[in-house]
Amino acid sequence: MKIEIQKGDITQVEVDAIVNAANSKLLGGGGVDGAIHRAAGKQLLEECKQLRETTHQDGLPAGQAVATDGYNLPARWVIHTVGPVFAKKTDRSDILASCYRESLRVADEIGATSVAFPAISAGIYGWPMDSATEIAVRTVQEADTSVETVIFVPFSQDAEEMFHEALGR
């Protein structure tokens, strides 16, 4: 698998699927989630509402993933995953790692060979960036997947540097 880092706006990355750091309600929100919903258009919200009415009536649990169409995005699909909120007294790294593994599993199911990831849980969910990037890189490197290219798309310079450190380059 080829792993790249491309600082910028994940909604502009040309890949088969982009990963949305969603909330469990799947109805949009702030940060990456809000940006993806705005860029994709209202059809994405409508499809997410259908998921809530059918297969995910209680929302999407943390560490799980589900795909929708990409609509107005350059990506054909959006893979939604819910990261854990960071807690100093509870180790939730396995849930964060599951976000990456499950997103790649869903990518395999839909036939996506290129996937772009944000730094899941490292925004408003408070996960320290150094730990978040290390978990992301290690989990993707260890994943059993047919995905050929993974692009990490950090929004800030600091996050970009930490992804480079986690990749050892």
C-alpha atoms as a PDB file:
ATOM      1  CA  MET A   1       0.000   0.000   0.000  1.00  0.00           C
ATOM      2  CA  LYS A   2       1.155   3.501  -0.859  1.00  0.00           C
ATOM      3  CA  ILE A   3       0.722   6.024   1.981  1.00  0.00           C
ATOM      4  CA  GLU A   4       0.815   9.758   1.282  1.00  0.00           C
ATOM      5  CA  ILE A   5       0.323  12.955   3.245  1.00  0.00           C
ATOM      6  CA  GLN A   6      -1.426  15.842   1.545  1.00  0.00           C
ATOM      7  CA  LYS A   7      -2.093  18.873   3.763  1.00  0.00           C
ATOM      8  CA  GLY A   8      -5.271  20.729   2.923  1.00  0.00           C
ATOM      9  CA  ASP A   9      -9.001  20.335   2.436  1.00  0.00           C
ATOM     10  CA  ILE A  10     -10.176  16.717   2.360  1.00  0.00           C
ATOM     11  CA  THR A  11     -13.243  17.727   0.329  1.00  0.00           C
ATOM     12  CA  GLN A  12     -10.962  18.561  -2.607  1.00  0.00           C
ATOM     13  CA  VAL A  13      -8.934  15.328  -2.676  1.00  0.00           C
ATOM     14  CA  GLU A  14      -9.498  13.169  -5.757  1.00  0.00           C
ATOM     15  CA  VAL A  15      -9.794   9.611  -4.439  1.00  0.00           C
ATOM     16  CA  ASP A  16     -12.410   6.884  -4.613  1.00  0.00           C
ATOM     17  CA  ALA A  17     -13.541   7.552  -1.028  1.00  0.00           C
ATOM     18  CA  ILE A  18     -12.977  10.147   1.652  1.00  0.00           C
ATOM     19  CA  VAL A  19     -13.477   9.350   5.305  1.00  0.00           C
ATOM     20  CA  ASN A  20     -15.729  11.592   7.336  1.00  0.00           C
ATOM     21  CA  ALA A  21     -14.978  12.026  11.025  1.00  0.00           C
ATOM     22  CA  ALA A  22     -18.709  11.963  11.718  1.00  0.00           C
ATOM     23  CA  ASN A  23     -20.767  12.154  14.865  1.00  0.00           C
ATOM     24  CA  SER A  24     -22.997   9.236  15.781  1.00  0.00           C
ATOM     25  CA  LYS A  25     -26.140  11.000  14.543  1.00  0.00           C
ATOM     26  CA  LEU A  26     -24.747  11.065  10.956  1.00  0.00           C
ATOM     27  CA  LEU A  27     -26.541  14.355  10.321  1.00  0.00           C
ATOM     28  CA  GLY A  28     -23.606  16.709   9.848  1.00  0.00           C
ATOM     29  CA  GLY A  29     -21.849  18.835  12.406  1.00  0.00           C
ATOM     30  CA  GLY A  30     -18.736  20.940  12.749  1.00  0.00           C
ATOM     31  CA  GLY A  31     -15.169  20.525  11.566  1.00  0.00           C
ATOM     32  CA  VAL A  32     -14.492  17.883   8.906  1.00  0.00           C
ATOM     33  CA  ASP A  33     -18.054  16.552   9.178  1.00  0.00           C
ATOM     34  CA  GLY A  34     -19.629  19.937   8.433  1.00  0.00           C
ATOM     35  CA  ALA A  35     -17.194  20.669   5.605  1.00  0.00           C
ATOM     36  CA  ILE A  36     -17.954  17.332   3.925  1.00  0.00           C
ATOM     37  CA  HIS A  37     -21.710  17.808   4.237  1.00  0.00           C
ATOM     38  CA  ARG A  38     -21.495  21.354   2.810  1.00  0.00           C
ATOM     39  CA  ALA A  39     -19.293  20.272  -0.108  1.00  0.00           C
ATOM     40  CA  ALA A  40     -21.314  17.142  -0.926  1.00  0.00           C
ATOM     41  CA  GLY A  41     -24.650  18.959  -0.969  1.00  0.00           C
ATOM     42  CA  LYS A  42     -28.010  18.277   0.624  1.00  0.00           C
ATOM     43  CA  GLN A  43     -28.321  14.838  -0.999  1.00  0.00           C
ATOM     44  CA  LEU A  44     -25.709  13.561   1.484  1.00  0.00           C
ATOM     45  CA  LEU A  45     -27.840  14.671   4.418  1.00  0.00           C
ATOM     46  CA  GLU A  46     -30.879  13.010   2.843  1.00  0.00           C
ATOM     47  CA  GLU A  47     -29.008   9.708   2.441  1.00  0.00           C
ATOM     48  CA  CYS A  48     -27.760   9.941   6.031  1.00  0.00           C
ATOM     49  CA  LYS A  49     -31.345  10.524   7.209  1.00  0.00           C
ATOM     50  CA  GLN A  50     -32.360   7.357   5.357  1.00  0.00           C
ATOM     51  CA  LEU A  51     -29.598   5.436   7.152  1.00  0.00           C
ATOM     52  CA  ARG A  52     -30.945   6.739  10.476  1.00  0.00           C
ATOM     53  CA  GLU A  53     -34.455   5.603   9.553  1.00  0.00           C
ATOM     54  CA  THR A  54     -33.353   2.130   8.440  1.00  0.00           C
ATOM     55  CA  THR A  55     -30.042   0.468   9.336  1.00  0.00           C
ATOM     56  CA  HIS A  56     -28.728   2.918  11.961  1.00  0.00           C
ATOM     57  CA  GLN A  57     -31.789   3.986  13.941  1.00  0.00           C
ATOM     58  CA  ASP A  58     -29.710   4.445  17.097  1.00  0.00           C
ATOM     59  CA  GLY A  59     -26.881   6.193  15.242  1.00  0.00           C
ATOM     60  CA  LEU A  60     -23.469   4.910  14.229  1.00  0.00           C
ATOM     61  CA  PRO A  61     -21.445   3.532  17.164  1.00  0.00           C
ATOM     62  CA  ALA A  62     -17.908   4.796  17.744  1.00  0.00           C
ATOM     63  CA  GLY A  63     -15.345   2.686  15.887  1.00  0.00           C
ATOM     64  CA  GLN A  64     -17.788   1.581  13.173  1.00  0.00           C
ATOM     65  CA  ALA A  65     -18.112   2.812   9.569  1.00  0.00           C
ATOM     66  CA  VAL A  66     -20.727   3.109   6.843  1.00  0.00           C
ATOM     67  CA  ALA A  67     -20.566   4.407   3.257  1.00  0.00           C
ATOM     68  CA  THR A  68     -22.721   6.821   1.297  1.00  0.00           C
ATOM     69  CA  ASP A  69     -22.418   8.377  -2.121  1.00  0.00           C
ATOM     70  CA  GLY A  70     -20.130  11.392  -2.494  1.00  0.00           C
ATOM     71  CA  TYR A  71     -22.580  13.534  -4.511  1.00  0.00           C
ATOM     72  CA  ASN A  72     -20.878  16.883  -5.320  1.00  0.00           C
ATOM     73  CA  LEU A  73     -17.476  15.793  -3.981  1.00  0.00           C
ATOM     74  CA  PRO A  74     -14.658  14.640  -6.278  1.00  0.00           C
ATOM     75  CA  ALA A  75     -14.755  11.347  -4.323  1.00  0.00           C
ATOM     76  CA  ARG A  76     -17.334   8.765  -5.398  1.00  0.00           C
ATOM     77  CA  TRP A  77     -18.053   7.735  -1.799  1.00  0.00           C
ATOM     78  CA  VAL A  78     -17.946   9.089   1.734  1.00  0.00           C
ATOM     79  CA  ILE A  79     -17.107   6.588   4.453  1.00  0.00           C
ATOM     80  CA  HIS A  80     -18.484   7.865   7.758  1.00  0.00           C
ATOM     81  CA  THR A  81     -16.821   6.764  10.986  1.00  0.00           C
ATOM     82  CA  VAL A  82     -17.293   7.959  14.549  1.00  0.00           C
ATOM     83  CA  GLY A  83     -14.138   8.458  16.541  1.00  0.00           C
ATOM     84  CA  PRO A  84     -13.982   8.251  20.316  1.00  0.00           C
ATOM     85  CA  VAL A  85     -13.787  11.312  22.530  1.00  0.00           C
ATOM     86  CA  PHE A  86     -10.374  11.404  24.214  1.00  0.00           C
ATOM     87  CA  ALA A  87     -10.375  10.603  27.940  1.00  0.00           C
ATOM     88  CA  LYS A  88      -7.255  10.820  30.097  1.00  0.00           C
ATOM     89  CA  LYS A  89      -8.439   8.088  32.476  1.00  0.00           C
ATOM     90  CA  THR A  90      -9.816   5.620  29.895  1.00  0.00           C
ATOM     91  CA  ASP A  91      -7.756   4.154  27.055  1.00  0.00           C
ATOM     92  CA  ARG A  92      -9.922   4.302  23.945  1.00  0.00           C
ATOM     93  CA  SER A  93      -7.116   3.754  21.426  1.00  0.00           C
ATOM     94  CA  ASP A  94      -8.675   0.462  20.306  1.00  0.00           C
ATOM     95  CA  ILE A  95     -11.825   2.357  19.283  1.00  0.00           C
ATOM     96  CA  LEU A  96      -9.772   4.925  17.375  1.00  0.00           C
ATOM     97  CA  ALA A  97      -7.843   2.162  15.598  1.00  0.00           C
ATOM     98  CA  SER A  98     -11.153   0.480  14.778  1.00  0.00           C
ATOM     99  CA  CYS A  99     -12.245   3.639  12.912  1.00  0.00           C
ATOM    100  CA  TYR A 100      -9.368   3.170  10.468  1.00  0.00           C
ATOM    101  CA  ARG A 101      -9.754  -0.623  10.176  1.00  0.00           C
ATOM    102  CA  GLU A 102     -13.527  -0.440   9.687  1.00  0.00           C
ATOM    103  CA  SER A 103     -13.199   2.382   7.146  1.00  0.00           C
ATOM    104  CA  LEU A 104     -10.772   0.259   5.128  1.00  0.00           C
ATOM    105  CA  ARG A 105     -13.096  -2.757   5.443  1.00  0.00           C
ATOM    106  CA  VAL A 106     -15.974  -0.671   4.078  1.00  0.00           C
ATOM    107  CA  ALA A 107     -13.675   0.628   1.319  1.00  0.00           C
ATOM    108  CA  ASP A 108     -12.989  -2.981   0.331  1.00  0.00           C
ATOM    109  CA  GLU A 109     -16.729  -3.742   0.309  1.00  0.00           C
ATOM    110  CA  ILE A 110     -17.534  -0.863  -2.051  1.00  0.00           C
ATOM    111  CA  GLY A 111     -14.463  -1.389  -4.249  1.00  0.00           C
ATOM    112  CA  ALA A 112     -12.567   1.784  -3.345  1.00  0.00           C
ATOM    113  CA  THR A 113      -8.832   1.463  -4.016  1.00  0.00           C
ATOM    114  CA  SER A 114      -7.870   4.978  -2.895  1.00  0.00           C
ATOM    115  CA  VAL A 115      -8.994   6.484   0.420  1.00  0.00           C
ATOM    116  CA  ALA A 116      -8.332   9.838   2.112  1.00  0.00           C
ATOM    117  CA  PHE A 117      -8.454  10.121   5.913  1.00  0.00           C
ATOM    118  CA  PRO A 118      -8.573  13.134   8.204  1.00  0.00           C
ATOM    119  CA  ALA A 119      -6.984  12.938  11.667  1.00  0.00           C
ATOM    120  CA  ILE A 120      -9.960  11.203  13.309  1.00  0.00           C
ATOM    121  CA  SER A 121     -10.806  12.378  16.861  1.00  0.00           C
ATOM    122  CA  ALA A 122      -7.965  14.937  16.843  1.00  0.00           C
ATOM    123  CA  GLY A 123     -10.276  17.953  16.493  1.00  0.00           C
ATOM    124  CA  ILE A 124     -13.156  18.729  18.822  1.00  0.00           C
ATOM    125  CA  TYR A 125     -12.957  15.203  20.292  1.00  0.00           C
ATOM    126  CA  GLY A 126      -9.676  16.263  21.899  1.00  0.00           C
ATOM    127  CA  TRP A 127      -7.349  13.382  20.984  1.00  0.00           C
ATOM    128  CA  PRO A 128      -3.698  14.527  21.216  1.00  0.00           C
ATOM    129  CA  MET A 129      -2.389  14.875  17.646  1.00  0.00           C
ATOM    130  CA  ASP A 130       0.840  12.924  18.213  1.00  0.00           C
ATOM    131  CA  SER A 131      -1.068   9.911  19.530  1.00  0.00           C
ATOM    132  CA  ALA A 132      -3.851  10.215  16.920  1.00  0.00           C
ATOM    133  CA  THR A 133      -1.391  10.235  14.028  1.00  0.00           C
ATOM    134  CA  GLU A 134       0.638   7.338  15.431  1.00  0.00           C
ATOM    135  CA  ILE A 135      -2.501   5.199  15.842  1.00  0.00           C
ATOM    136  CA  ALA A 136      -3.712   6.178  12.350  1.00  0.00           C
ATOM    137  CA  VAL A 137      -0.462   5.323  10.595  1.00  0.00           C
ATOM    138  CA  ARG A 138       0.177   2.087  12.494  1.00  0.00           C
ATOM    139  CA  THR A 139      -3.385   0.824  11.982  1.00  0.00           C
ATOM    140  CA  VAL A 140      -3.390   1.578   8.262  1.00  0.00           C
ATOM    141  CA  GLN A 141       0.031  -0.027   7.789  1.00  0.00           C
ATOM    142  CA  GLU A 142      -1.123  -3.186   9.586  1.00  0.00           C
ATOM    143  CA  ALA A 143      -4.530  -3.428   7.902  1.00  0.00           C
ATOM    144  CA  ASP A 144      -5.460  -6.377   5.722  1.00  0.00           C
ATOM    145  CA  THR A 145      -7.028  -4.472   2.826  1.00  0.00           C
ATOM    146  CA  SER A 146      -7.154  -4.230  -0.950  1.00  0.00           C
ATOM    147  CA  VAL A 147      -6.893  -0.434  -0.771  1.00  0.00           C
ATOM    148  CA  GLU A 148      -3.854   0.565  -2.808  1.00  0.00           C
ATOM    149  CA  THR A 149      -3.452   4.216  -1.776  1.00  0.00           C
ATOM    150  CA  VAL A 150      -4.161   5.939   1.529  1.00  0.00           C
ATOM    151  CA  ILE A 151      -3.797   9.690   1.766  1.00  0.00           C
ATOM    152  CA  PHE A 152      -3.752  11.331   5.181  1.00  0.00           C
ATOM    153  CA  VAL A 153      -5.120  14.858   4.831  1.00  0.00           C
ATOM    154  CA  PRO A 154      -4.115  16.980   7.825  1.00  0.00           C
ATOM    155  CA  PHE A 155      -5.605  20.443   8.018  1.00  0.00           C
ATOM    156  CA  SER A 156      -2.766  22.161   9.912  1.00  0.00           C
ATOM    157  CA  GLN A 157       0.998  22.372   9.593  1.00  0.00           C
ATOM    158  CA  ASP A 158       1.433  20.793  13.045  1.00  0.00           C
ATOM    159  CA  ALA A 159      -0.748  17.835  12.102  1.00  0.00           C
ATOM    160  CA  GLU A 160       1.145  17.410   8.836  1.00  0.00           C
ATOM    161  CA  GLU A 161       4.454  17.301  10.712  1.00  0.00           C
ATOM    162  CA  MET A 162       3.115  14.693  13.136  1.00  0.00           C
ATOM    163  CA  PHE A 163       1.913  12.474  10.287  1.00  0.00           C
ATOM    164  CA  HIS A 164       5.418  12.706   8.786  1.00  0.00           C
ATOM    165  CA  GLU A 165       6.914  11.775  12.154  1.00  0.00           C
ATOM    166  CA  ALA A 166       4.534   8.811  12.532  1.00  0.00           C
ATOM    167  CA  LEU A 167       5.518   7.626   9.039  1.00  0.00           C
ATOM    168  CA  GLY A 168       9.191   8.104   9.844  1.00  0.00           C
ATOM    169  CA  ARG A 169       9.776  10.591   7.041  1.00  0.00           C
END
